[in-house]
Protein backbone atom coordinates (compact mmCIF):
# COMPACT_ATOMS: atom_id res chain seq x y z
CA MET A 1 17.74 13.66 -7.17
CA SER A 2 16.09 10.25 -7.45
CA LEU A 3 16.75 7.47 -9.91
CA PRO A 4 14.19 6.94 -12.67
CA PRO A 5 12.07 3.77 -12.64
CA VAL A 6 13.53 0.77 -14.49
CA ALA A 7 11.64 -1.98 -16.30
CA PRO A 8 11.91 -5.33 -14.43
CA HIS A 9 13.53 -7.28 -17.25
CA VAL A 10 16.31 -4.69 -17.62
CA THR A 11 17.41 -5.13 -14.00
CA ALA A 12 17.02 -8.91 -14.17
CA ALA A 13 19.16 -9.14 -17.32
CA ALA A 14 21.89 -6.94 -15.82
CA VAL A 15 22.15 -9.09 -12.69
CA ALA A 16 22.03 -12.34 -14.68
CA ALA A 17 24.95 -11.14 -16.83
CA LEU A 18 27.22 -10.65 -13.81
CA PRO A 19 30.00 -13.18 -13.21
CA THR A 20 29.59 -15.18 -10.01
CA ARG A 21 32.39 -13.30 -8.23
CA LEU A 22 30.64 -9.96 -8.86
CA ARG A 23 27.15 -11.23 -8.08
CA SER A 24 28.27 -11.97 -4.52
CA LYS A 25 29.31 -8.31 -4.13
CA LEU A 26 26.10 -6.79 -5.51
CA ASP A 27 24.38 -6.17 -2.17
CA GLN A 28 27.42 -4.30 -0.83
CA ALA A 29 27.49 -2.17 -3.98
CA VAL A 30 23.80 -1.28 -3.67
CA GLU A 31 24.33 -0.25 -0.04
CA LYS A 32 26.65 2.52 -1.25
CA GLN A 33 23.75 4.31 -2.93
CA ALA A 34 23.86 7.15 -0.40
CA SER A 35 27.34 8.12 -1.66
CA TRP A 36 26.33 8.34 -5.31
CA THR A 37 25.94 11.70 -7.00
CA VAL A 38 22.92 11.86 -9.31
CA THR A 39 22.78 14.56 -11.97
CA ALA A 40 19.72 15.12 -14.13
CA SER A 41 19.76 15.91 -17.83
CA ASP A 42 17.19 16.33 -20.57
CA SER A 43 17.53 12.67 -21.59
CA GLY A 44 17.83 11.04 -18.17
CA VAL A 45 20.28 10.97 -15.26
CA THR A 46 24.01 10.40 -14.77
CA ILE A 47 25.22 8.66 -11.61
CA ALA A 48 28.78 9.07 -10.33
CA VAL A 49 29.29 5.69 -8.69
CA ASP A 50 32.97 5.15 -7.95
CA GLY A 51 35.74 7.60 -8.71
CA ASP A 52 35.70 8.30 -12.44
CA VAL A 53 33.04 5.67 -13.16
CA THR A 54 29.62 6.94 -14.17
CA VAL A 55 26.40 5.17 -15.12
CA THR A 56 23.97 6.89 -17.47
CA LEU A 57 20.27 6.03 -17.53
CA THR A 58 18.34 7.27 -20.55
CA THR A 59 14.63 7.53 -19.81
CA PRO A 60 12.46 5.62 -20.20
CA VAL A 61 14.68 2.79 -18.96
CA ASP A 62 12.81 -0.04 -20.65
CA THR A 63 15.62 -1.62 -22.70
CA PRO A 64 19.14 -2.75 -21.70
CA ASP A 65 20.67 -0.13 -24.03
CA ALA A 66 19.14 2.62 -21.88
CA ALA A 67 21.70 1.87 -19.12
CA ALA A 68 25.38 2.42 -19.89
CA CYS A 69 28.53 2.43 -17.77
CA THR A 70 31.94 3.96 -18.51
CA CYS A 71 33.98 1.14 -16.94
CA LEU A 72 35.86 -1.46 -18.98
CA LEU A 73 33.66 -4.37 -17.86
CA ALA A 74 30.42 -2.80 -19.10
CA PRO A 75 27.75 -3.98 -19.68
CA ARG A 76 28.63 -6.97 -17.44
CA CYS A 77 29.78 -4.69 -14.66
CA LEU A 78 28.91 -4.29 -11.01
CA HIS A 79 28.28 -0.53 -11.29
CA ARG A 80 25.52 -0.83 -13.87
CA ALA A 81 23.83 -3.75 -12.05
CA ALA A 82 23.98 -1.91 -8.71
CA VAL A 83 22.38 1.26 -10.09
CA LEU A 84 19.62 -0.69 -11.81
CA SER A 85 19.00 -2.74 -8.64
CA ALA A 86 18.66 0.44 -6.58
CA ALA A 87 16.26 2.17 -8.99
CA PRO A 88 12.47 1.94 -8.52
CA VAL A 89 10.61 -0.70 -10.49
CA ARG A 90 8.86 0.62 -13.59
CA THR A 91 5.23 -0.44 -13.46
CA THR A 92 2.54 -0.52 -16.11
CA HIS A 93 0.94 2.44 -14.29
CA GLN A 94 4.06 4.53 -14.89
CA ALA A 95 4.26 3.39 -18.49
CA ALA A 96 0.69 4.54 -19.09
CA ALA A 97 1.29 7.83 -17.28
CA ALA A 98 4.13 8.64 -19.67
CA GLY A 99 1.61 9.07 -22.50
CA PRO A 100 -1.73 10.84 -22.84
CA ASP A 101 -4.77 9.81 -20.85
CA VAL A 102 -6.48 7.33 -23.13
CA ALA A 103 -8.83 4.47 -22.51
CA THR A 104 -7.25 1.06 -23.05
CA PRO A 105 -9.38 -1.84 -24.19
CA GLU A 106 -10.21 -4.44 -21.62
CA THR A 107 -10.25 -8.13 -22.41
CA VAL A 108 -13.69 -9.66 -21.97
CA ALA A 109 -13.65 -13.12 -20.44
CA PRO A 110 -15.69 -15.70 -22.37
CA THR A 111 -17.20 -17.06 -19.17
CA GLU A 112 -18.05 -15.57 -15.81
CA THR A 113 -14.95 -16.99 -14.13
CA GLY A 114 -12.73 -16.98 -17.20
CA PRO A 115 -11.03 -19.90 -18.97
CA PRO A 116 -8.54 -22.09 -17.08
CA ALA A 117 -4.95 -20.89 -16.94
CA THR A 118 -2.85 -21.78 -19.97
CA ALA A 119 0.43 -23.66 -19.77
CA ALA A 120 2.33 -20.37 -20.19
CA GLU A 121 0.35 -18.71 -17.41
CA LYS A 122 0.91 -21.65 -15.07
CA ALA A 123 4.63 -21.59 -15.86
CA ALA A 124 4.82 -17.86 -15.07
CA ALA A 125 2.92 -18.36 -11.81
CA THR A 126 5.22 -21.24 -10.87
CA GLN A 127 8.26 -19.08 -11.53
CA VAL A 128 6.96 -16.37 -9.21
CA ARG A 129 5.99 -18.95 -6.58
CA ASP A 130 9.48 -20.48 -6.54
CA VAL A 131 11.13 -17.11 -5.88
CA ALA A 132 8.55 -16.23 -3.22
CA ALA A 133 9.27 -19.58 -1.57
CA LEU A 134 12.96 -18.70 -1.58
CA ILE A 135 12.18 -15.42 0.18
CA LEU A 136 10.30 -17.30 2.91
CA GLU A 137 13.19 -19.77 3.14
CA HIS A 138 15.78 -17.13 4.03
CA GLY A 139 13.73 -14.11 5.10
CA VAL A 140 14.33 -10.45 4.31
CA ALA A 141 18.00 -10.68 5.25
CA GLY A 142 18.59 -13.30 2.56
CA ALA A 143 16.50 -11.59 -0.13
CA GLY A 144 19.23 -9.45 -1.61
CA ALA A 145 19.61 -7.93 -5.05
CA VAL A 146 20.11 -11.31 -6.74
CA THR A 147 16.87 -12.74 -5.33
CA GLN A 148 15.07 -9.51 -6.21
CA ALA A 149 16.38 -9.77 -9.77
CA ASP A 150 15.03 -13.31 -9.99
CA LEU A 151 11.65 -12.04 -8.88
CA LEU A 152 11.82 -9.16 -11.38
CA ARG A 153 12.48 -11.67 -14.16
CA ALA A 154 9.42 -13.63 -13.06
CA ILE A 155 7.39 -10.40 -12.91
CA HIS A 156 8.36 -9.59 -16.49
CA GLN A 157 7.23 -13.04 -17.61
CA ALA A 158 3.93 -12.67 -15.73
CA ARG A 159 3.26 -9.38 -17.49
CA ALA A 160 4.19 -10.87 -20.84
CA VAL A 161 1.59 -13.64 -20.58
CA GLY A 162 -1.15 -11.36 -19.26
CA LEU A 163 -1.14 -11.73 -15.45
CA PRO A 164 -1.29 -8.12 -14.22
CA ARG A 165 -2.59 -8.95 -10.74
CA LEU A 166 0.33 -11.30 -10.05
CA ALA A 167 2.88 -8.91 -11.54
CA THR A 168 1.56 -5.99 -9.47
CA ALA A 169 1.58 -7.92 -6.19
CA ALA A 170 5.08 -9.29 -6.80
CA THR A 171 6.34 -5.80 -7.71
CA ARG A 172 5.12 -4.54 -4.34
CA VAL A 173 7.08 -7.38 -2.71
CA VAL A 174 10.27 -6.18 -4.43
CA GLU A 175 9.61 -2.61 -3.32
CA HIS A 176 9.04 -3.71 0.29
CA LEU A 177 12.23 -5.81 0.28
CA ARG A 178 14.28 -2.87 -0.92
CA ALA A 179 12.69 -0.58 1.67
CA ALA A 180 13.43 -3.10 4.41
CA ARG A 181 17.07 -3.49 3.43
CA ARG A 182 17.48 0.30 3.26
CA SER A 183 15.74 0.70 6.64
CA THR A 184 13.26 3.10 5.06
CA PRO A 185 10.99 4.67 7.74
CA GLY A 186 7.87 3.87 5.72
CA PHE A 187 8.53 0.13 5.68
CA HIS A 188 6.14 -2.12 7.61
CA LEU A 189 6.70 -5.86 7.94
CA ALA A 190 2.93 -6.41 7.99
CA ASP A 191 2.62 -4.83 4.52
CA LEU A 192 5.30 -7.14 3.11
CA THR A 193 3.55 -10.10 4.72
CA ASP A 194 0.21 -9.13 3.16
CA ASP A 195 1.71 -8.72 -0.31
CA LEU A 196 3.58 -12.03 -0.08
CA ARG A 197 0.31 -13.71 0.85
CA GLU A 198 -1.43 -12.04 -2.09
CA THR A 199 1.36 -13.16 -4.44
CA LEU A 200 1.28 -16.78 -3.30
CA THR A 201 -2.53 -16.82 -3.33
CA VAL A 202 -2.66 -15.80 -6.99
CA CYS A 203 0.07 -18.32 -7.84
CA HIS A 204 -1.92 -21.07 -6.14
CA LEU A 205 -5.21 -20.13 -7.83
CA LEU A 206 -3.60 -20.13 -11.27
CA GLY A 207 -1.44 -23.18 -10.73
CA ALA A 208 -4.26 -25.31 -9.31
CA GLY A 209 -6.88 -23.91 -11.67
CA ILE A 210 -9.33 -23.18 -8.87
CA GLY A 211 -11.47 -20.17 -8.03
CA ASP A 212 -12.25 -17.25 -10.28
CA GLN A 213 -9.56 -17.38 -12.95
CA ARG A 214 -10.57 -14.01 -14.38
CA ALA A 215 -10.04 -12.38 -10.99
CA ALA A 216 -6.77 -14.28 -10.52
CA ARG A 217 -5.46 -12.91 -13.80
CA GLY A 218 -6.62 -9.40 -12.95
CA THR A 219 -7.00 -6.54 -15.40
CA SER A 220 -4.36 -4.22 -16.72
CA ARG A 221 -4.56 -0.64 -15.62
CA ARG A 222 -7.36 0.93 -17.55
CA GLY A 223 -7.01 4.43 -18.86
CA TYR A 224 -9.26 7.34 -18.10
CA GLU A 225 -12.72 7.26 -19.59
CA PRO A 226 -15.32 10.04 -19.92
CA VAL A 227 -17.65 10.29 -16.93
CA GLY A 228 -19.62 13.32 -18.03
CA ASP A 229 -20.07 16.56 -16.11
CA LEU A 230 -19.37 16.59 -12.38
CA HIS A 231 -20.10 19.11 -9.64
CA LEU A 232 -17.61 18.19 -6.92
CA TYR A 233 -17.06 19.39 -3.36
CA GLY A 234 -13.82 18.88 -1.45
CA LEU A 235 -13.84 16.64 1.61
CA CYS A 236 -10.25 16.44 2.85
CA THR A 237 -6.61 16.07 1.84
CA GLU A 238 -3.94 13.72 3.12
CA PRO A 239 -0.22 13.62 2.36
CA LEU A 240 1.24 10.55 0.69
CA ARG A 241 4.53 8.96 1.63
CA THR A 242 5.33 5.48 0.37
CA SER A 243 8.05 2.96 1.13
CA THR A 244 9.25 3.39 -2.47
CA GLY A 245 10.35 6.98 -1.85
CA HIS A 246 7.37 8.72 -3.47
CA VAL A 247 5.69 11.67 -1.80
CA GLY A 248 2.61 13.61 -2.78
CA ALA A 249 -0.97 14.24 -1.75
CA VAL A 250 -4.45 12.95 -2.47
CA SER A 251 -7.68 14.92 -2.16
CA TYR A 252 -11.10 13.33 -1.76
CA LEU A 253 -14.19 14.94 -3.23
CA THR A 254 -17.87 14.07 -3.38
CA ASP A 255 -20.62 14.81 -5.89
CA GLY A 256 -24.37 15.28 -5.58
CA THR A 257 -24.94 11.53 -5.16
CA ALA A 258 -22.46 11.22 -2.27
CA THR A 259 -20.08 9.27 -4.55
CA ILE A 260 -16.43 9.74 -3.60
CA TRP A 261 -13.77 10.70 -6.15
CA SER A 262 -10.04 11.23 -5.68
CA LEU A 263 -7.37 13.39 -7.29
CA ALA A 264 -3.78 12.51 -6.49
CA GLN A 265 -0.25 13.26 -7.55
CA ALA A 266 3.05 11.80 -6.34
CA ARG A 267 6.67 11.97 -7.35
CA PRO A 268 9.99 10.53 -6.17
CA ASP A 269 11.39 12.67 -3.39
CA ASP A 270 12.45 12.60 0.25
CA GLY A 271 10.09 12.46 3.20
CA ASP A 272 10.80 16.06 4.27
CA THR A 273 8.64 17.30 1.38
CA ALA A 274 5.65 15.05 2.16
CA ARG A 275 3.75 17.75 4.04
CA ALA A 276 4.72 20.47 1.56
CA ALA A 277 3.27 18.38 -1.29
CA ALA A 278 -0.24 19.18 -0.03
CA HIS A 279 0.46 22.86 -0.68
CA ALA A 280 1.84 22.28 -4.18
CA SER A 281 -0.25 23.24 -7.21
CA VAL A 282 -2.50 20.66 -8.82
CA ASN A 283 -4.35 21.13 -12.10
CA LEU A 284 -7.84 20.00 -12.94
CA GLY A 285 -8.59 21.26 -16.40
CA ASP A 286 -8.30 25.06 -16.33
CA VAL A 287 -8.32 25.22 -12.53
CA THR A 288 -5.03 25.47 -10.65
CA LEU A 289 -5.03 25.29 -6.86
CA SER A 290 -3.28 23.44 -4.07
CA HIS A 291 -4.47 20.10 -2.72
CA ARG A 292 -5.31 21.76 0.59
CA GLU A 293 -7.50 24.28 -1.23
CA LEU A 294 -9.05 21.53 -3.34
CA GLY A 295 -10.16 19.75 -0.17
CA ARG A 296 -12.32 22.80 0.69
CA ALA A 297 -13.38 24.10 -2.71
CA GLY A 298 -16.14 23.36 -5.16
CA ILE A 299 -15.35 22.33 -8.73
CA ILE A 300 -17.60 22.13 -11.80
CA ALA A 301 -15.89 19.88 -14.35
CA SER A 302 -17.14 19.38 -17.90
CA ASN A 303 -16.00 16.39 -19.95
CA ALA A 304 -14.44 14.91 -16.82
CA GLN A 305 -12.43 11.73 -17.15
CA ALA A 306 -11.74 9.13 -14.49
CA SER A 307 -10.45 5.59 -14.13
CA ALA A 308 -12.65 2.70 -13.08
CA ASP A 309 -11.74 3.26 -9.42
CA ARG A 310 -12.91 6.90 -9.65
CA ARG A 311 -9.49 8.54 -9.83
CA LEU A 312 -9.88 11.82 -11.70
CA SER A 313 -7.64 12.69 -14.62
CA HIS A 314 -5.55 15.85 -14.89
CA GLY A 315 -6.04 15.69 -18.67
CA SER A 316 -6.14 18.86 -20.75
CA THR A 317 -9.47 17.84 -22.30
CA VAL A 318 -11.21 18.53 -18.98
CA GLN A 319 -12.86 21.93 -18.65
CA ALA A 320 -13.32 23.09 -15.07
CA VAL A 321 -14.20 26.15 -13.03
CA ARG A 322 -13.85 26.75 -9.31
CA THR A 323 -16.94 27.41 -7.21
CA THR A 324 -17.69 27.91 -3.52
CA GLY A 325 -17.15 24.83 -1.40
CA ARG A 326 -19.50 23.45 1.22
CA THR A 327 -18.89 22.31 4.77
CA TRP A 328 -19.32 18.77 6.03
CA HIS A 329 -22.65 19.74 7.63
CA GLU A 330 -24.12 20.77 4.28
CA GLU A 331 -25.29 18.63 1.39
CA PRO A 332 -23.98 16.61 -0.33
CA ALA A 333 -21.27 15.82 2.23
CA ASP A 334 -23.72 15.52 5.12
CA THR A 335 -25.22 12.41 3.51
CA LEU A 336 -21.99 10.53 4.10
CA TRP A 337 -22.30 10.92 7.88
CA ARG A 338 -25.90 9.73 7.92
CA GLN A 339 -24.95 6.22 6.84
CA PRO A 340 -24.76 3.94 9.94
CA ILE A 341 -21.24 3.03 10.96
CA PRO A 342 -21.82 -0.77 10.67
CA GLU A 343 -22.89 -0.26 7.04
CA GLN A 344 -19.78 1.83 6.37
CA ALA A 345 -17.59 -0.92 7.85
CA ALA A 346 -19.37 -3.53 5.72
CA ARG A 347 -18.63 -1.43 2.61
CA TRP A 348 -14.94 -1.34 3.56
CA LEU A 349 -14.66 -5.08 4.23
CA SER A 350 -16.52 -5.91 1.03
CA ALA A 351 -14.10 -3.81 -1.04
CA ARG A 352 -11.10 -5.58 0.56
CA GLU A 353 -12.13 -8.74 -1.29
CA LEU A 354 -11.33 -7.00 -4.59
CA ALA A 355 -7.86 -6.66 -6.06
CA ARG A 356 -6.30 -3.33 -5.08
CA PRO A 357 -6.63 -1.65 -8.51
CA GLU A 358 -10.36 -2.44 -8.51
CA ARG A 359 -11.16 -0.90 -5.13
CA PRO A 360 -13.08 2.37 -5.57
CA ALA A 361 -11.75 5.65 -4.24
CA GLY A 362 -12.69 6.22 -0.61
CA HIS A 363 -13.84 2.63 -0.05
CA ASP A 364 -12.10 2.59 3.34
CA LEU A 365 -13.10 6.04 4.57
CA ALA A 366 -15.11 6.27 7.80
CA PHE A 367 -17.43 9.23 8.38
CA LEU A 368 -17.96 9.50 12.12
CA ASP A 369 -19.96 11.76 14.44
CA GLY A 370 -19.27 11.65 18.16
CA VAL A 371 -17.70 13.06 21.28
CA LEU A 372 -13.96 12.93 21.97
CA ALA A 373 -12.66 11.09 24.99
CA THR A 374 -9.36 9.68 26.15
CA ASP A 375 -7.88 6.95 28.32
CA GLN A 376 -4.70 4.86 28.37
CA ARG A 377 -5.36 3.78 24.77
CA GLY A 378 -5.14 7.36 23.50
CA LEU A 379 -7.75 9.45 21.71
CA LEU A 380 -11.22 7.90 21.55
CA LEU A 381 -14.51 8.75 19.90
CA ARG A 382 -17.84 7.89 21.48
CA THR A 383 -20.63 7.46 18.92
CA ALA A 384 -24.35 6.77 19.04
CA ASP A 385 -24.09 3.76 16.70
CA LEU A 386 -21.68 1.64 18.76
CA PRO A 387 -21.74 0.65 22.44
CA GLY A 388 -17.99 1.06 22.86
CA PRO A 389 -15.54 3.80 21.80
CA ILE A 390 -13.58 3.98 18.57
CA ILE A 391 -9.80 4.35 18.90
CA VAL A 392 -8.36 7.13 16.69
CA VAL A 393 -4.69 6.67 15.81
CA ALA A 394 -2.22 8.39 13.49
CA PRO A 395 -1.65 6.92 10.00
CA HIS A 396 2.04 7.90 10.22
CA ASP A 397 4.29 8.58 13.19
CA ASP A 398 6.77 10.56 11.06
CA PRO A 399 7.47 13.86 12.89
CA VAL A 400 7.50 15.66 9.53
CA LEU A 401 3.74 15.11 9.38
CA PRO A 402 1.63 16.65 12.20
CA TYR A 403 -0.67 13.65 12.74
CA VAL A 404 0.66 12.65 16.15
CA ALA A 405 0.96 16.22 17.46
CA ASN A 406 -2.59 17.07 16.41
CA LEU A 407 -4.11 13.95 17.93
CA ARG A 408 -2.24 14.50 21.20
CA LEU A 409 -3.51 18.09 21.32
CA LEU A 410 -7.09 16.89 20.81
CA ALA A 411 -6.68 14.26 23.53
CA ALA A 412 -5.32 16.83 25.96
CA HIS A 413 -7.72 19.73 25.39
CA ALA A 414 -10.81 18.62 23.45
CA THR A 415 -12.23 15.70 25.44
CA GLY A 416 -15.97 15.86 25.90
CA LEU A 417 -16.44 18.05 22.83
CA PRO A 418 -18.50 17.04 19.75
CA VAL A 419 -16.64 16.53 16.47
CA ARG A 420 -17.01 15.15 12.99
CA ILE A 421 -14.16 12.97 11.79
CA ILE A 422 -13.05 11.45 8.52
CA GLY A 423 -10.96 8.41 9.26
CA ARG A 424 -9.70 5.33 7.50
CA PHE A 425 -10.85 1.96 8.81
CA HIS A 426 -7.80 0.25 10.27
CA GLY A 427 -8.95 -2.70 12.33
CA PRO A 428 -11.34 -3.77 15.09
CA ARG A 429 -13.00 -0.56 16.35
CA GLN A 430 -9.98 1.49 15.20
CA VAL A 431 -9.49 4.18 12.53
CA HIS A 432 -6.67 6.32 11.23
CA GLY A 433 -7.59 9.95 11.82
CA LEU A 434 -7.41 11.98 8.59
CA ALA A 435 -9.48 15.13 9.22
CA VAL A 436 -11.69 16.69 11.88
CA ALA A 437 -14.36 19.42 11.90
CA ALA A 438 -16.09 21.11 14.82
CA SER A 439 -18.01 24.31 15.47
CA TRP A 440 -15.39 25.36 18.00
CA LEU A 441 -12.46 25.30 15.55
CA PRO A 442 -11.18 28.68 14.29
CA ASP A 443 -12.36 29.89 10.88
CA ARG A 444 -8.77 29.98 9.59
CA PHE A 445 -8.89 26.23 8.96
CA GLY A 446 -11.62 26.67 6.36
CA GLY A 447 -14.20 24.35 7.91
CA HIS A 448 -12.03 21.40 8.91
CA VAL A 449 -8.49 20.41 9.88
CA ASP A 450 -6.50 18.04 7.68
CA LEU A 451 -4.61 16.29 10.46
CA GLY A 452 -1.62 15.41 8.26
CA VAL A 453 -1.32 18.88 6.73
CA ASP A 454 -2.60 21.55 9.16
CA GLN A 455 -0.78 22.21 12.42
CA MET A 456 -3.14 23.00 15.30
CA GLN A 457 -2.04 25.14 18.24
CA ARG A 458 -3.15 25.14 21.87
CA ALA A 459 -4.96 28.43 21.30
CA ASP A 460 -7.16 26.76 18.68
CA LEU A 461 -8.76 24.45 21.23
CA PRO A 462 -11.02 25.14 24.19
CA ASP A 463 -10.65 23.13 27.36
CA GLY A 464 -12.70 19.95 27.28
CA THR A 465 -15.77 19.67 29.43
CA THR A 466 -14.91 16.26 30.85
CA THR A 467 -11.96 13.92 31.09
CA THR A 468 -13.75 10.85 32.37
CA GLU A 469 -13.13 7.53 30.64
CA PRO A 470 -15.88 6.52 28.21
CA SER A 471 -18.41 3.90 29.08
CA GLY A 472 -18.01 0.53 27.41
CA ALA A 473 -14.85 -1.50 27.00
CA ASP A 474 -13.20 -2.97 23.94
CA GLN A 475 -14.77 -6.14 22.68
CA PRO A 476 -12.55 -9.13 23.42
CA GLN A 477 -10.71 -10.20 20.28
CA PRO A 478 -9.45 -13.70 19.50
CA PRO A 479 -5.66 -13.99 20.02
CA LEU A 480 -4.92 -14.22 16.31
CA HIS A 481 -1.85 -12.08 16.89
CA LEU A 482 -0.12 -15.27 18.06
CA LEU A 483 -0.47 -16.67 14.54
CA SER A 484 0.29 -13.44 12.67
CA HIS A 485 3.39 -13.01 14.83
CA HIS A 486 4.88 -16.26 13.50
CA LEU A 487 3.85 -15.48 9.92
CA GLN A 488 5.72 -12.19 10.07
CA ARG A 489 8.74 -13.79 11.75
CA VAL A 490 9.10 -16.23 8.88
CA VAL A 491 9.03 -13.32 6.42
CA ALA A 492 11.66 -11.45 8.43
CA VAL A 493 14.04 -14.29 9.32
CA GLY A 494 13.09 -17.37 7.30
CA ARG A 495 12.38 -20.91 8.42
CA SER A 496 14.74 -20.58 11.40
CA ALA A 497 12.08 -18.40 13.07
CA LEU A 498 9.90 -21.48 13.59
CA VAL A 499 12.13 -23.03 16.23
CA PRO A 500 11.07 -21.27 19.47
CA ASP A 501 7.66 -20.64 21.06
CA VAL A 502 5.52 -22.32 18.41
CA GLU A 503 4.07 -25.11 20.56
CA ARG A 504 3.40 -22.74 23.45
CA ASP A 505 1.43 -20.41 21.17
CA ALA A 506 -0.41 -23.36 19.58
CA ARG A 507 -1.61 -24.44 23.03
CA ALA A 508 -2.71 -20.86 23.76
CA LEU A 509 -4.77 -20.87 20.55
CA LEU A 510 -6.36 -24.17 21.59
CA ASP A 511 -7.22 -22.72 25.00
CA ALA A 512 -8.90 -19.79 23.17
CA GLN A 513 -11.13 -22.26 21.26
CA LEU A 514 -9.25 -21.75 17.99
CA PRO A 515 -8.33 -25.32 17.01
CA THR A 516 -7.91 -24.50 13.32
CA ALA A 517 -5.46 -21.71 14.13
CA ALA A 518 -3.47 -24.12 16.30
CA SER A 519 -3.54 -26.76 13.55
CA VAL A 520 -2.22 -24.47 10.79
CA LEU A 521 0.48 -23.13 13.11
CA ARG A 522 1.67 -26.63 13.97
CA GLU A 523 1.67 -27.60 10.29
CA LEU A 524 3.74 -24.49 9.57
CA ARG A 525 6.22 -25.60 12.22
CA ARG A 526 6.43 -29.11 10.73
CA ALA A 527 7.05 -27.67 7.27
CA GLY A 528 9.73 -25.42 8.71
CA HIS A 529 11.54 -28.32 10.36
CA ARG A 530 11.37 -30.58 7.30
CA ARG A 531 14.78 -30.74 5.58
CA SER A 532 15.65 -33.36 2.97
CA ARG A 533 18.50 -33.76 0.49
CA ASP A 534 18.84 -35.19 -2.97
CA ALA A 535 21.32 -37.84 -4.11
CA PHE A 536 24.08 -35.22 -4.30
CA GLY A 537 23.50 -33.92 -0.77
CA ARG A 538 21.83 -30.69 -1.86
CA LEU A 539 18.83 -29.33 0.05
CA SER A 540 15.62 -30.10 -1.82
CA GLN A 541 13.71 -27.20 -3.34
CA GLN A 542 10.49 -29.06 -2.60
CA ASP A 543 11.00 -28.34 1.10
CA SER A 544 10.92 -24.60 0.35
CA ILE A 545 7.76 -25.02 -1.69
CA ALA A 546 6.17 -27.06 1.13
CA LEU A 547 7.08 -24.30 3.59
CA ALA A 548 5.53 -21.68 1.29
CA LEU A 549 2.32 -23.72 0.97
CA ALA A 550 2.03 -24.20 4.74
CA TRP A 551 2.72 -20.50 5.25
CA LEU A 552 0.05 -19.61 2.70
CA VAL A 553 -2.54 -21.86 4.39
CA ALA A 554 -1.81 -20.25 7.75
CA GLY A 555 -1.85 -16.76 6.23
CA ALA A 556 -5.15 -17.34 4.42
CA TYR A 557 -6.78 -18.58 7.64
CA GLN A 558 -5.38 -15.69 9.66
CA ASP A 559 -6.64 -13.13 7.14
CA ALA A 560 -10.13 -14.65 6.98
CA ALA A 561 -10.40 -15.00 10.75
CA ALA A 562 -9.15 -11.46 11.36
CA THR A 563 -11.65 -10.10 8.82
CA ALA A 564 -14.51 -11.92 10.57
CA ALA A 565 -13.41 -10.62 13.95
CA THR A 566 -13.08 -7.09 12.60
CA ALA A 567 -16.55 -7.23 11.06
CA GLY A 568 -17.99 -8.31 14.40
CA SER A 569 -16.32 -5.47 16.27
CA TRP A 570 -18.10 -2.88 14.11
CA GLN A 571 -21.57 -4.24 14.74
CA ALA A 572 -23.96 -2.34 16.96
CA ASP A 573 -24.73 -5.41 19.05
């Protein structure tokens, strides 16, 4: 049984109320979460923490009174603060999901770029920036429950003054920090690095009053709005497993105009149920079927509702009926594969410039036709649009999900055979393999294989006609990994990571004709070595802020340069 999500200010207030002697023990108390016994009730959950001590959370946990402890020190007790610090962060998305699907009004900016940030907005952004700087100062190991509570307090203030983009990015940082400290399999240091960069970028835009202020503020999650009648055809289904402990599935569908829509559901659970979630029932109006079936079926929906990013609503007002699905080689799906791959990549990179909630469903999907091949890099796809092969990798290496096993089977027994693939753009000439269709696949798969859901067997595949390596080599990429390596090391360890190897890598970047990359890396090193003290001998907070600014400059350059290199790798020339 999982803990219910908790509003940020509730956790922050509980940690702030702790005496100093208990605050120093908070991380050790949170680490004992595996030994807690969680019992659900109609009103919430009860957690047996230590002996006869229990903590009760009454849902929704959006006020301090919703968390109570039976010990004598409550509410200023370690048990209550530990439980709240271990619970997922309650987001505005979850708050909206608790009620009916309704459209929420959206604030209209008076100018194209919006008015400058107010004093309250700048103060909220500064508060978030200072905590983010502290995270970079000490790294993941030093970002315990107290630091996370400080960030949650800043997140609450950002929401209060109307900065949803900043609050959302900072919330993801908290979730990644907790996943890292719990050694959650779904945690990736690169994801935490990206979200820290996003957080500091928004803080800088608001604090300096530069750029598009409307985009820097972001928009609150909009409810579902009527989109009329839709005739949808399933494309594929993929399981969801997040670093926050949520599992579920998402199905992608297309309509008569080749527009992509998505229908998803997720819930807190363990990773062992991630694959099973694709076989769980999902409702769309009057239609009830599994996600796997939805990825192959046809649906006629009347009075359909969807969010701005084309996520379909499960609302009861939708009227739907199931119809016969169509294969990928039939219209309207076939249109998706006729778009040249460079144009598909351009669509993906263009959408990456938007804030995450504004990116449309399926913006990063790649629809590829080609012939399978293999070499030391793994499974490859040779296409007519590109001179070199595309590398197909697994989105997850979790053995619970059959991605890796399916891709290995294709590499061993299907080389030289034609296929159609739905992938997710992942980098320079590389995609995550999501689904595959071919005329030689058995009919039992229903037209295509969802690589994260369906388990292929050796008997399902014929022997490939050739095993020769494909013609064309990978395009040489600039050694930007030398810069991203140091950015991630600072996130993991703190400023102490900038002691070794920096100058050597800066010279290597110069040799590769990347003088700006070498310059920002050296400036990051100088900021990391700068340590000053005030009149009382205390380390100056300004040094942490200077380190965060230098890290942000290096991160912004690395992201822009990597995007340019990725765009070039997907060109036909």
